[in-house]
Amino acid sequence: MRNGMIPTVVGTVVTVTGFALRNSNIPDSYKNGLIGFGLAHIAMGSAEMLTENIQRSNMMEKVSRWSKS
């Protein structure tokens, strides 16, 4: 499984849970905390997947240059 996918999925679930609790008796600080925590995980997971793609792209470029020599 790709790195970053798990934090992104967990973040999505936590964010949706925070939004789903908007009409409940839970204090706003808890709901906003869940939403923020989820969004932070989405951002971290996305950044990790982007970094992995860039590294993979750089590696493939180096291999293709090496094979042309």
N, C-alpha and C. Protein backbone atom coordinates (compact mmCIF):
# COMPACT_ATOMS: atom_id res chain seq x y z
N MET A 1 0.84 -1.17 0.00
CA MET A 1 0.00 0.00 0.00
C MET A 1 0.89 1.25 0.00
N ARG A 2 0.49 2.25 -0.72
CA ARG A 2 1.30 3.46 -0.83
C ARG A 2 1.40 4.19 0.51
N ASN A 3 2.58 4.73 0.74
CA ASN A 3 2.76 5.54 1.94
C ASN A 3 1.88 6.77 1.84
N GLY A 4 1.30 7.16 2.94
CA GLY A 4 0.45 8.34 2.97
C GLY A 4 -1.02 8.04 2.76
N MET A 5 -1.33 6.86 2.25
CA MET A 5 -2.73 6.54 2.00
C MET A 5 -3.49 6.33 3.31
N ILE A 6 -2.87 5.67 4.27
CA ILE A 6 -3.55 5.39 5.55
C ILE A 6 -3.86 6.69 6.30
N PRO A 7 -2.89 7.62 6.48
CA PRO A 7 -3.24 8.86 7.16
C PRO A 7 -4.31 9.66 6.42
N THR A 8 -4.31 9.60 5.10
CA THR A 8 -5.31 10.33 4.32
C THR A 8 -6.70 9.74 4.54
N VAL A 9 -6.80 8.43 4.53
CA VAL A 9 -8.10 7.78 4.74
C VAL A 9 -8.59 8.01 6.17
N VAL A 10 -7.70 7.86 7.15
CA VAL A 10 -8.08 8.10 8.55
C VAL A 10 -8.52 9.55 8.72
N GLY A 11 -7.79 10.47 8.13
CA GLY A 11 -8.16 11.88 8.21
C GLY A 11 -9.51 12.16 7.60
N THR A 12 -9.81 11.50 6.50
CA THR A 12 -11.11 11.68 5.86
C THR A 12 -12.23 11.19 6.77
N VAL A 13 -12.03 10.03 7.38
CA VAL A 13 -13.04 9.47 8.28
C VAL A 13 -13.25 10.38 9.49
N VAL A 14 -12.17 10.87 10.07
CA VAL A 14 -12.27 11.73 11.25
C VAL A 14 -12.93 13.06 10.89
N THR A 15 -12.58 13.62 9.74
CA THR A 15 -13.20 14.88 9.32
C THR A 15 -14.69 14.72 9.09
N VAL A 16 -15.08 13.66 8.42
CA VAL A 16 -16.50 13.41 8.17
C VAL A 16 -17.24 13.19 9.49
N THR A 17 -16.60 12.51 10.43
CA THR A 17 -17.21 12.31 11.75
C THR A 17 -17.42 13.65 12.44
N GLY A 18 -16.43 14.54 12.38
CA GLY A 18 -16.58 15.87 12.98
C GLY A 18 -17.73 16.64 12.37
N PHE A 19 -17.86 16.57 11.04
CA PHE A 19 -18.97 17.25 10.38
C PHE A 19 -20.31 16.61 10.73
N ALA A 20 -20.34 15.30 10.88
CA ALA A 20 -21.58 14.59 11.20
C ALA A 20 -22.07 14.94 12.60
N LEU A 21 -21.16 15.31 13.49
CA LEU A 21 -21.52 15.64 14.86
C LEU A 21 -21.94 17.10 15.04
N ARG A 22 -22.02 17.85 13.97
CA ARG A 22 -22.34 19.28 14.07
C ARG A 22 -23.68 19.54 14.74
N ASN A 23 -24.67 18.68 14.58
CA ASN A 23 -26.00 18.90 15.15
C ASN A 23 -26.20 18.14 16.46
N SER A 24 -25.11 17.80 17.13
CA SER A 24 -25.22 17.05 18.38
C SER A 24 -24.97 17.99 19.57
N ASN A 25 -25.07 17.43 20.77
CA ASN A 25 -24.87 18.22 21.99
C ASN A 25 -23.40 18.32 22.39
N ILE A 26 -22.51 17.79 21.59
CA ILE A 26 -21.08 17.82 21.89
C ILE A 26 -20.59 19.27 21.75
N PRO A 27 -19.73 19.72 22.65
CA PRO A 27 -19.22 21.10 22.56
C PRO A 27 -18.53 21.38 21.22
N ASP A 28 -18.66 22.63 20.78
CA ASP A 28 -18.08 23.02 19.49
C ASP A 28 -16.58 22.79 19.44
N SER A 29 -15.90 22.96 20.56
CA SER A 29 -14.45 22.78 20.56
C SER A 29 -14.07 21.34 20.21
N TYR A 30 -14.86 20.37 20.64
CA TYR A 30 -14.58 18.98 20.31
C TYR A 30 -14.83 18.71 18.82
N LYS A 31 -15.96 19.23 18.33
CA LYS A 31 -16.28 19.03 16.91
C LYS A 31 -15.22 19.68 16.03
N ASN A 32 -14.85 20.92 16.36
CA ASN A 32 -13.84 21.61 15.58
C ASN A 32 -12.48 20.93 15.70
N GLY A 33 -12.20 20.37 16.88
CA GLY A 33 -10.95 19.63 17.08
C GLY A 33 -10.89 18.40 16.20
N LEU A 34 -12.00 17.67 16.10
CA LEU A 34 -12.05 16.50 15.23
C LEU A 34 -11.86 16.89 13.77
N ILE A 35 -12.51 17.95 13.36
CA ILE A 35 -12.39 18.39 11.97
C ILE A 35 -10.95 18.81 11.69
N GLY A 36 -10.35 19.58 12.58
CA GLY A 36 -8.96 20.02 12.40
C GLY A 36 -7.98 18.87 12.40
N PHE A 37 -8.18 17.93 13.32
CA PHE A 37 -7.32 16.76 13.40
C PHE A 37 -7.40 15.95 12.11
N GLY A 38 -8.60 15.79 11.59
CA GLY A 38 -8.78 15.05 10.34
C GLY A 38 -8.16 15.76 9.16
N LEU A 39 -8.35 17.08 9.08
CA LEU A 39 -7.76 17.84 7.98
C LEU A 39 -6.23 17.82 8.03
N ALA A 40 -5.68 17.84 9.24
CA ALA A 40 -4.22 17.75 9.38
C ALA A 40 -3.71 16.41 8.85
N HIS A 41 -4.42 15.34 9.15
CA HIS A 41 -4.01 14.03 8.65
C HIS A 41 -4.13 13.94 7.13
N ILE A 42 -5.17 14.54 6.59
CA ILE A 42 -5.32 14.56 5.13
C ILE A 42 -4.14 15.30 4.50
N ALA A 43 -3.78 16.44 5.08
CA ALA A 43 -2.66 17.23 4.54
C ALA A 43 -1.35 16.46 4.64
N MET A 44 -1.10 15.84 5.79
CA MET A 44 0.16 15.09 5.96
C MET A 44 0.22 13.89 5.02
N GLY A 45 -0.88 13.15 4.90
CA GLY A 45 -0.89 11.99 4.01
C GLY A 45 -0.73 12.39 2.56
N SER A 46 -1.37 13.49 2.17
CA SER A 46 -1.24 13.97 0.79
C SER A 46 0.18 14.42 0.49
N ALA A 47 0.79 15.12 1.44
CA ALA A 47 2.17 15.55 1.25
C ALA A 47 3.11 14.36 1.14
N GLU A 48 2.85 13.33 1.92
CA GLU A 48 3.69 12.13 1.86
C GLU A 48 3.54 11.42 0.52
N MET A 49 2.32 11.34 0.01
CA MET A 49 2.11 10.71 -1.30
C MET A 49 2.76 11.54 -2.41
N LEU A 50 2.67 12.86 -2.31
CA LEU A 50 3.28 13.72 -3.31
C LEU A 50 4.80 13.57 -3.30
N THR A 51 5.39 13.54 -2.13
CA THR A 51 6.83 13.37 -1.99
C THR A 51 7.26 12.03 -2.58
N GLU A 52 6.49 11.00 -2.31
CA GLU A 52 6.81 9.67 -2.85
C GLU A 52 6.76 9.68 -4.38
N ASN A 53 5.76 10.36 -4.95
CA ASN A 53 5.66 10.44 -6.41
C ASN A 53 6.84 11.19 -7.01
N ILE A 54 7.27 12.26 -6.38
CA ILE A 54 8.41 13.03 -6.87
C ILE A 54 9.68 12.18 -6.81
N GLN A 55 9.88 11.47 -5.70
CA GLN A 55 11.06 10.62 -5.58
C GLN A 55 11.04 9.51 -6.62
N ARG A 56 9.90 8.91 -6.85
CA ARG A 56 9.77 7.84 -7.85
C ARG A 56 10.06 8.39 -9.24
N SER A 57 9.56 9.59 -9.53
CA SER A 57 9.80 10.21 -10.82
C SER A 57 11.28 10.50 -11.04
N ASN A 58 11.94 11.02 -10.01
CA ASN A 58 13.38 11.30 -10.11
C ASN A 58 14.18 10.02 -10.32
N MET A 59 13.80 8.95 -9.63
CA MET A 59 14.50 7.69 -9.75
C MET A 59 14.32 7.12 -11.17
N MET A 60 13.10 7.20 -11.71
CA MET A 60 12.86 6.68 -13.05
C MET A 60 13.62 7.51 -14.09
N GLU A 61 13.74 8.80 -13.87
CA GLU A 61 14.50 9.64 -14.80
C GLU A 61 15.97 9.26 -14.79
N LYS A 62 16.53 9.01 -13.60
CA LYS A 62 17.92 8.60 -13.52
C LYS A 62 18.15 7.25 -14.19
N VAL A 63 17.24 6.32 -14.00
CA VAL A 63 17.37 5.00 -14.61
C VAL A 63 17.29 5.11 -16.12
N SER A 64 16.40 5.94 -16.62
CA SER A 64 16.26 6.07 -18.08
C SER A 64 17.49 6.73 -18.68
N ARG A 65 18.10 7.70 -17.97
CA ARG A 65 19.34 8.31 -18.46
C ARG A 65 20.47 7.30 -18.45
N TRP A 66 20.52 6.46 -17.42
CA TRP A 66 21.58 5.46 -17.29
C TRP A 66 21.46 4.41 -18.39
N SER A 67 20.22 4.02 -18.71
CA SER A 67 20.04 2.97 -19.72
C SER A 67 20.33 3.47 -21.14
N LYS A 68 20.23 4.79 -21.37
CA LYS A 68 20.53 5.35 -22.69
C LYS A 68 22.03 5.43 -22.94
N SER A 69 22.81 5.41 -21.88
CA SER A 69 24.28 5.53 -22.03
C SER A 69 24.89 4.30 -22.61
